[in-house]
N, C-alpha and C. Protein backbone atom coordinates (compact mmCIF):
# COMPACT_ATOMS: atom_id res chain seq x y z
N GLN A 1 -16.72 7.23 -10.54
CA GLN A 1 -15.87 6.35 -10.55
C GLN A 1 -14.73 6.01 -9.66
N VAL A 2 -14.59 4.93 -9.27
CA VAL A 2 -13.56 4.60 -8.19
C VAL A 2 -12.12 4.60 -9.00
N GLN A 3 -11.21 5.40 -8.08
CA GLN A 3 -9.98 5.54 -8.67
C GLN A 3 -9.20 5.49 -7.38
N LEU A 4 -8.10 4.71 -7.93
CA LEU A 4 -6.93 4.73 -7.02
C LEU A 4 -5.33 5.19 -7.44
N VAL A 5 -4.74 6.14 -6.89
CA VAL A 5 -3.25 6.33 -7.89
C VAL A 5 -2.29 6.32 -6.62
N GLU A 6 -1.30 5.53 -6.95
CA GLU A 6 -0.37 5.60 -6.04
C GLU A 6 0.89 6.57 -6.73
N SER A 7 2.08 6.71 -5.73
CA SER A 7 2.61 7.48 -6.20
C SER A 7 4.15 7.47 -4.95
N GLY A 8 5.23 7.79 -5.56
CA GLY A 8 6.28 7.60 -4.37
C GLY A 8 7.39 6.79 -4.40
N GLY A 9 7.34 5.76 -5.36
CA GLY A 9 8.07 4.77 -5.58
C GLY A 9 9.64 5.30 -6.54
N GLY A 10 10.63 4.31 -6.36
CA GLY A 10 11.82 4.96 -6.86
C GLY A 10 12.75 4.08 -6.58
N LEU A 11 14.08 4.41 -6.70
CA LEU A 11 15.31 3.42 -6.40
C LEU A 11 16.00 4.27 -5.26
N VAL A 12 16.41 2.87 -4.10
CA VAL A 12 16.74 3.21 -2.83
C VAL A 12 17.65 1.96 -2.42
N GLN A 13 18.75 2.64 -1.59
CA GLN A 13 19.68 1.59 -1.25
C GLN A 13 19.45 0.85 -0.17
N PRO A 14 19.95 -0.26 -0.01
CA PRO A 14 19.58 -1.00 1.24
C PRO A 14 19.60 -0.45 2.27
N GLY A 15 18.79 -0.66 3.62
CA GLY A 15 18.56 0.42 4.64
C GLY A 15 17.67 1.68 4.21
N GLY A 16 17.71 2.10 3.51
CA GLY A 16 17.06 3.27 3.36
C GLY A 16 15.11 3.48 3.21
N SER A 17 14.73 4.49 2.91
CA SER A 17 13.28 4.72 3.22
C SER A 17 12.48 5.25 2.27
N LEU A 18 11.32 4.96 1.95
CA LEU A 18 10.34 5.61 1.03
C LEU A 18 9.08 5.68 1.68
N ARG A 19 8.40 6.81 1.20
CA ARG A 19 6.73 6.82 1.54
C ARG A 19 6.04 6.72 0.57
N LEU A 20 5.15 5.83 0.15
CA LEU A 20 4.60 5.61 -0.80
C LEU A 20 3.07 6.40 -0.35
N SER A 21 2.37 6.92 -1.49
CA SER A 21 1.00 7.47 -1.58
C SER A 21 -0.13 6.70 -2.34
N CYS A 22 -1.06 6.86 -2.05
CA CYS A 22 -2.53 6.28 -2.53
C CYS A 22 -3.37 7.34 -2.14
N VAL A 23 -4.03 8.01 -3.50
CA VAL A 23 -5.02 9.12 -3.58
C VAL A 23 -5.94 8.34 -3.95
N VAL A 24 -7.07 8.08 -3.26
CA VAL A 24 -8.27 8.15 -3.88
C VAL A 24 -9.61 8.87 -4.15
N SER A 25 -10.64 8.55 -5.00
CA SER A 25 -11.56 9.18 -5.64
C SER A 25 -12.88 8.41 -5.91
N GLY A 26 -13.86 8.91 -5.72
CA GLY A 26 -14.98 8.13 -6.22
C GLY A 26 -15.53 7.43 -4.72
N PHE A 27 -14.93 7.64 -3.44
CA PHE A 27 -15.72 6.76 -2.22
C PHE A 27 -14.66 7.20 -1.37
N SER A 28 -15.37 7.31 -0.01
CA SER A 28 -14.34 7.97 1.48
C SER A 28 -13.72 6.81 2.02
N LEU A 29 -12.46 7.44 2.30
CA LEU A 29 -11.99 6.49 3.12
C LEU A 29 -12.45 6.56 4.93
N ASP A 30 -13.34 7.30 4.91
CA ASP A 30 -14.48 6.92 6.48
C ASP A 30 -14.99 5.52 6.19
N TYR A 31 -15.29 5.12 4.68
CA TYR A 31 -16.05 3.72 4.96
C TYR A 31 -15.29 2.67 4.23
N TYR A 32 -14.22 3.03 3.66
CA TYR A 32 -13.35 1.81 3.07
C TYR A 32 -12.10 1.73 3.78
N ALA A 33 -11.76 0.38 3.92
CA ALA A 33 -10.35 0.41 4.05
C ALA A 33 -9.34 0.02 3.16
N ILE A 34 -8.09 0.48 3.18
CA ILE A 34 -7.24 0.54 2.08
C ILE A 34 -6.08 -0.31 2.12
N GLY A 35 -5.87 -1.48 1.26
CA GLY A 35 -4.40 -2.21 1.79
C GLY A 35 -3.64 -1.99 0.88
N TRP A 36 -2.33 -2.29 1.15
CA TRP A 36 -1.27 -2.26 0.09
C TRP A 36 -0.83 -3.60 -0.08
N PHE A 37 -0.54 -3.93 -1.36
CA PHE A 37 -0.03 -4.78 -1.83
C PHE A 37 1.41 -4.99 -2.77
N ARG A 38 2.08 -6.17 -2.62
CA ARG A 38 3.43 -5.74 -3.82
C ARG A 38 3.50 -7.03 -4.19
N GLN A 39 4.12 -6.95 -5.83
CA GLN A 39 4.44 -8.28 -6.63
C GLN A 39 5.59 -8.31 -7.16
N ALA A 40 6.48 -9.10 -7.12
CA ALA A 40 7.91 -9.01 -7.49
C ALA A 40 7.88 -9.68 -8.86
N PRO A 41 9.08 -9.71 -9.90
CA PRO A 41 8.80 -10.32 -11.25
C PRO A 41 8.71 -11.58 -10.87
N GLY A 42 7.95 -12.32 -11.62
CA GLY A 42 8.26 -13.90 -11.46
C GLY A 42 7.13 -14.23 -10.12
N LYS A 43 6.66 -13.62 -9.32
CA LYS A 43 6.01 -14.20 -7.89
C LYS A 43 4.71 -13.50 -7.97
N GLU A 44 4.05 -14.17 -7.10
CA GLU A 44 2.79 -13.83 -6.95
C GLU A 44 2.46 -12.38 -5.80
N ARG A 45 1.34 -12.00 -6.03
CA ARG A 45 1.17 -10.94 -5.51
C ARG A 45 0.57 -11.04 -4.06
N GLU A 46 1.54 -10.33 -3.28
CA GLU A 46 1.38 -10.54 -1.85
C GLU A 46 0.67 -9.54 -0.76
N GLY A 47 -0.02 -9.53 0.16
CA GLY A 47 -0.46 -8.30 1.17
C GLY A 47 0.64 -7.75 1.88
N VAL A 48 0.85 -6.54 1.90
CA VAL A 48 1.53 -6.17 2.83
C VAL A 48 1.01 -5.28 4.26
N SER A 49 -0.21 -4.83 3.89
CA SER A 49 -0.84 -3.91 5.16
C SER A 49 -2.24 -3.75 4.72
N CYS A 50 -2.85 -3.02 6.10
CA CYS A 50 -4.01 -2.52 5.89
C CYS A 50 -4.37 -1.63 6.74
N ILE A 51 -5.35 -0.67 6.41
CA ILE A 51 -5.50 0.28 7.45
C ILE A 51 -7.46 0.07 7.37
N HIS A 52 -7.86 0.25 8.67
CA HIS A 52 -9.41 0.21 8.55
C HIS A 52 -9.88 1.51 8.35
N SER A 53 -11.00 1.60 7.80
CA SER A 53 -11.76 3.08 7.51
C SER A 53 -12.27 3.46 9.24
N HIS A 54 -13.10 2.72 10.15
CA HIS A 54 -13.75 2.91 11.06
C HIS A 54 -13.17 3.57 12.37
N ASP A 55 -11.52 2.68 12.78
CA ASP A 55 -11.26 3.02 13.67
C ASP A 55 -9.61 3.33 13.61
N GLY A 56 -9.34 3.14 11.97
CA GLY A 56 -7.85 3.43 11.91
C GLY A 56 -6.93 2.43 12.11
N ARG A 57 -7.22 1.22 12.53
CA ARG A 57 -6.31 -0.07 13.24
C ARG A 57 -5.60 -0.11 11.89
N THR A 58 -4.35 -0.44 12.22
CA THR A 58 -3.67 -1.05 11.20
C THR A 58 -3.14 -2.45 11.25
N PHE A 59 -2.77 -3.25 10.19
CA PHE A 59 -2.64 -4.53 10.10
C PHE A 59 -1.51 -5.07 9.30
N TYR A 60 -0.31 -5.58 9.36
CA TYR A 60 0.79 -5.89 8.64
C TYR A 60 1.16 -7.57 8.52
N ASP A 61 1.43 -7.74 7.32
CA ASP A 61 2.33 -9.12 7.16
C ASP A 61 3.61 -9.12 8.05
N GLY A 62 4.05 -10.14 7.87
CA GLY A 62 5.21 -10.62 8.49
C GLY A 62 6.61 -10.01 8.21
N PRO A 63 6.52 -10.09 6.81
CA PRO A 63 7.90 -9.14 6.22
C PRO A 63 7.87 -7.76 6.45
N ALA A 64 6.61 -7.21 6.79
CA ALA A 64 6.69 -5.88 7.00
C ALA A 64 6.58 -5.13 8.11
N LYS A 65 6.41 -6.19 9.14
CA LYS A 65 5.89 -5.95 10.61
C LYS A 65 7.12 -5.25 10.99
N GLY A 66 6.90 -4.05 11.54
CA GLY A 66 8.28 -3.87 12.47
C GLY A 66 9.02 -2.70 11.53
N ARG A 67 8.79 -2.50 10.43
CA ARG A 67 9.71 -2.06 9.39
C ARG A 67 8.73 -1.03 8.48
N PHE A 68 7.37 -1.18 8.63
CA PHE A 68 6.77 -0.44 7.34
C PHE A 68 5.60 0.00 8.38
N THR A 69 5.01 1.28 8.02
CA THR A 69 4.11 1.67 8.85
C THR A 69 2.79 2.56 7.66
N THR A 70 1.54 2.01 8.05
CA THR A 70 0.55 2.70 6.87
C THR A 70 -0.14 3.74 8.01
N SER A 71 -0.89 4.90 7.25
CA SER A 71 -1.47 5.87 7.74
C SER A 71 -2.36 6.46 6.98
N LYS A 72 -3.19 7.43 7.38
CA LYS A 72 -4.16 7.94 6.08
C LYS A 72 -4.35 9.52 6.96
N ASN A 73 -4.91 10.18 5.68
CA ASN A 73 -5.26 11.42 5.99
C ASN A 73 -6.62 11.35 4.98
N ASN A 74 -8.08 11.45 6.24
CA ASN A 74 -9.08 11.01 5.12
C ASN A 74 -9.44 12.76 4.58
N ALA A 75 -9.16 13.55 4.93
CA ALA A 75 -9.50 14.73 4.46
C ALA A 75 -8.72 15.22 2.85
N LYS A 76 -7.49 14.68 2.90
CA LYS A 76 -6.52 14.59 1.84
C LYS A 76 -6.75 13.63 0.72
N HIS A 77 -7.97 12.73 1.22
CA HIS A 77 -8.17 11.36 0.75
C HIS A 77 -6.82 10.45 0.28
N THR A 78 -5.93 10.18 1.33
CA THR A 78 -4.77 9.85 0.56
C THR A 78 -4.24 8.61 1.91
N VAL A 79 -3.97 7.52 1.62
CA VAL A 79 -3.59 6.87 2.36
C VAL A 79 -1.90 6.44 2.09
N TYR A 80 -0.79 6.46 3.10
CA TYR A 80 0.48 6.25 2.88
C TYR A 80 1.16 5.23 3.46
N LEU A 81 2.06 4.57 2.89
CA LEU A 81 2.91 3.27 3.42
C LEU A 81 4.13 4.05 3.64
N GLN A 82 4.99 3.91 4.65
CA GLN A 82 6.25 4.42 5.01
C GLN A 82 7.12 3.15 5.40
N MET A 83 8.09 3.02 4.28
CA MET A 83 8.93 2.00 4.41
C MET A 83 10.35 2.37 4.81
N ASN A 84 10.65 1.69 5.91
CA ASN A 84 11.86 1.83 6.64
C ASN A 84 12.95 0.59 6.32
N SER A 85 14.05 0.59 6.27
CA SER A 85 15.18 -0.37 6.82
C SER A 85 14.84 -1.56 5.51
N LEU A 86 14.79 -0.73 4.23
CA LEU A 86 14.51 -1.45 2.95
C LEU A 86 15.62 -2.56 2.71
N LYS A 87 14.59 -3.61 2.24
CA LYS A 87 16.02 -4.96 1.81
C LYS A 87 15.52 -5.17 0.31
N PRO A 88 16.73 -5.79 -0.45
CA PRO A 88 16.73 -6.12 -1.68
C PRO A 88 15.16 -6.55 -2.15
N GLU A 89 14.68 -7.59 -1.15
CA GLU A 89 13.51 -8.55 -1.55
C GLU A 89 12.20 -8.06 -1.31
N ASP A 90 12.58 -6.66 -0.99
CA ASP A 90 11.22 -5.45 -1.03
C ASP A 90 11.19 -4.77 -2.59
N THR A 91 11.93 -5.15 -3.47
CA THR A 91 11.66 -4.67 -4.57
C THR A 91 10.11 -5.48 -5.27
N ALA A 92 9.54 -4.54 -5.66
CA ALA A 92 8.13 -4.76 -6.44
C ALA A 92 7.68 -3.70 -6.94
N VAL A 93 6.36 -4.00 -7.54
CA VAL A 93 5.45 -2.98 -7.56
C VAL A 93 4.30 -2.80 -6.74
N TYR A 94 4.57 -1.98 -5.92
CA TYR A 94 3.50 -1.42 -4.91
C TYR A 94 2.23 -1.01 -5.58
N SER A 95 1.18 -1.68 -4.85
CA SER A 95 -0.43 -1.15 -5.20
C SER A 95 -0.92 -0.82 -3.87
N CYS A 96 -1.99 -0.09 -4.30
CA CYS A 96 -3.39 0.04 -3.30
C CYS A 96 -4.48 -0.28 -3.40
N ALA A 97 -5.40 -0.96 -2.68
CA ALA A 97 -6.71 -1.87 -3.24
C ALA A 97 -7.79 -1.49 -2.25
N ALA A 98 -9.21 -1.22 -2.85
CA ALA A 98 -10.23 -1.41 -1.95
C ALA A 98 -11.14 -2.48 -2.28
N ASP A 99 -12.04 -2.92 -1.40
CA ASP A 99 -12.83 -3.79 -1.76
C ASP A 99 -14.34 -3.03 -1.61
N VAL A 100 -15.29 -3.59 -2.56
CA VAL A 100 -16.37 -3.28 -2.53
C VAL A 100 -17.34 -3.04 -1.23
N TYR A 101 -17.30 -3.75 -0.53
CA TYR A 101 -18.07 -3.99 1.16
C TYR A 101 -17.08 -3.32 1.91
N GLY A 102 -15.78 -2.74 1.75
CA GLY A 102 -15.42 -1.48 2.70
C GLY A 102 -14.27 -2.08 3.61
N GLY A 103 -14.45 -3.79 3.87
CA GLY A 103 -13.21 -4.17 4.49
C GLY A 103 -11.71 -4.26 3.99
N CYS A 104 -10.93 -4.82 4.67
CA CYS A 104 -9.62 -4.83 4.16
C CYS A 104 -9.68 -5.78 3.00
N PRO A 105 -9.20 -5.07 1.59
CA PRO A 105 -9.32 -5.90 0.37
C PRO A 105 -8.51 -7.27 0.31
N THR A 106 -8.80 -7.99 -0.74
CA THR A 106 -7.86 -9.15 -0.99
C THR A 106 -7.61 -9.12 -2.00
N SER A 107 -6.83 -10.07 -2.69
CA SER A 107 -6.26 -10.28 -4.28
C SER A 107 -7.75 -10.08 -4.95
N THR A 108 -8.90 -10.52 -4.51
CA THR A 108 -10.06 -10.68 -5.64
C THR A 108 -10.86 -9.59 -5.60
N SER A 109 -10.15 -8.53 -4.76
CA SER A 109 -11.19 -7.07 -4.59
C SER A 109 -10.96 -6.20 -6.04
N VAL A 110 -11.85 -5.37 -6.54
CA VAL A 110 -11.80 -5.13 -7.60
C VAL A 110 -11.26 -3.62 -7.91
N TYR A 111 -11.27 -3.04 -6.93
CA TYR A 111 -10.42 -1.80 -6.74
C TYR A 111 -9.33 -1.76 -6.63
N TRP A 112 -8.23 -1.26 -7.71
CA TRP A 112 -6.99 -1.27 -7.83
C TRP A 112 -6.24 -0.11 -8.46
N GLY A 113 -5.30 0.45 -7.74
CA GLY A 113 -4.35 0.99 -8.60
C GLY A 113 -3.38 0.64 -9.59
N GLN A 114 -2.47 1.23 -10.42
CA GLN A 114 -1.61 0.96 -11.45
C GLN A 114 -0.63 0.24 -10.51
N GLY A 115 -0.14 0.86 -9.76
CA GLY A 115 1.03 0.70 -9.03
C GLY A 115 2.12 1.76 -9.12
N THR A 116 3.03 1.66 -7.91
CA THR A 116 4.28 2.02 -8.37
C THR A 116 5.78 1.11 -8.07
N GLN A 117 6.74 1.50 -8.83
CA GLN A 117 7.76 0.82 -8.63
C GLN A 117 8.76 0.92 -7.81
N VAL A 118 8.80 0.25 -6.68
CA VAL A 118 10.37 0.26 -5.56
C VAL A 118 11.36 -0.67 -5.75
N THR A 119 12.41 -0.16 -6.29
CA THR A 119 13.58 -1.13 -6.22
C THR A 119 14.58 -0.63 -5.02
N VAL A 120 15.11 -1.57 -4.73
CA VAL A 120 15.87 -1.41 -3.70
C VAL A 120 17.50 -2.50 -3.89
N SER A 121 18.18 -1.31 -4.13
CA SER A 121 19.64 -1.87 -4.58
C SER A 121 20.73 -1.03 -4.15
N SER A 122 22.06 -1.73 -4.24
CA SER A 122 23.18 -1.17 -4.13
C SER A 122 23.57 -0.53 -5.28
């Protein structure tokens, strides 16, 4: 069974940092890209980043580019999202996801974790 479990969220002050983890089981990171998404209260879910399976290439949406970094350790079955220079508008539930075809996931992909709460506040 495909499973994705996020951890690492919490409360941080503006300008601070957090590192999120996504531990996967039931499939290999050698063949599946992992994306990070976030959803704030009352807002639609938006994409944050993606890391490819085959070459490890990474992609970021505008708000995350230059502040967030995604990486992975295939042997540990874990994908990371390092978040620096956090802003209050980064407050959201962050989820990792995979697509059945192995490419970068979208909002319609079927493999999702339950999410971890990130709160950026003074």
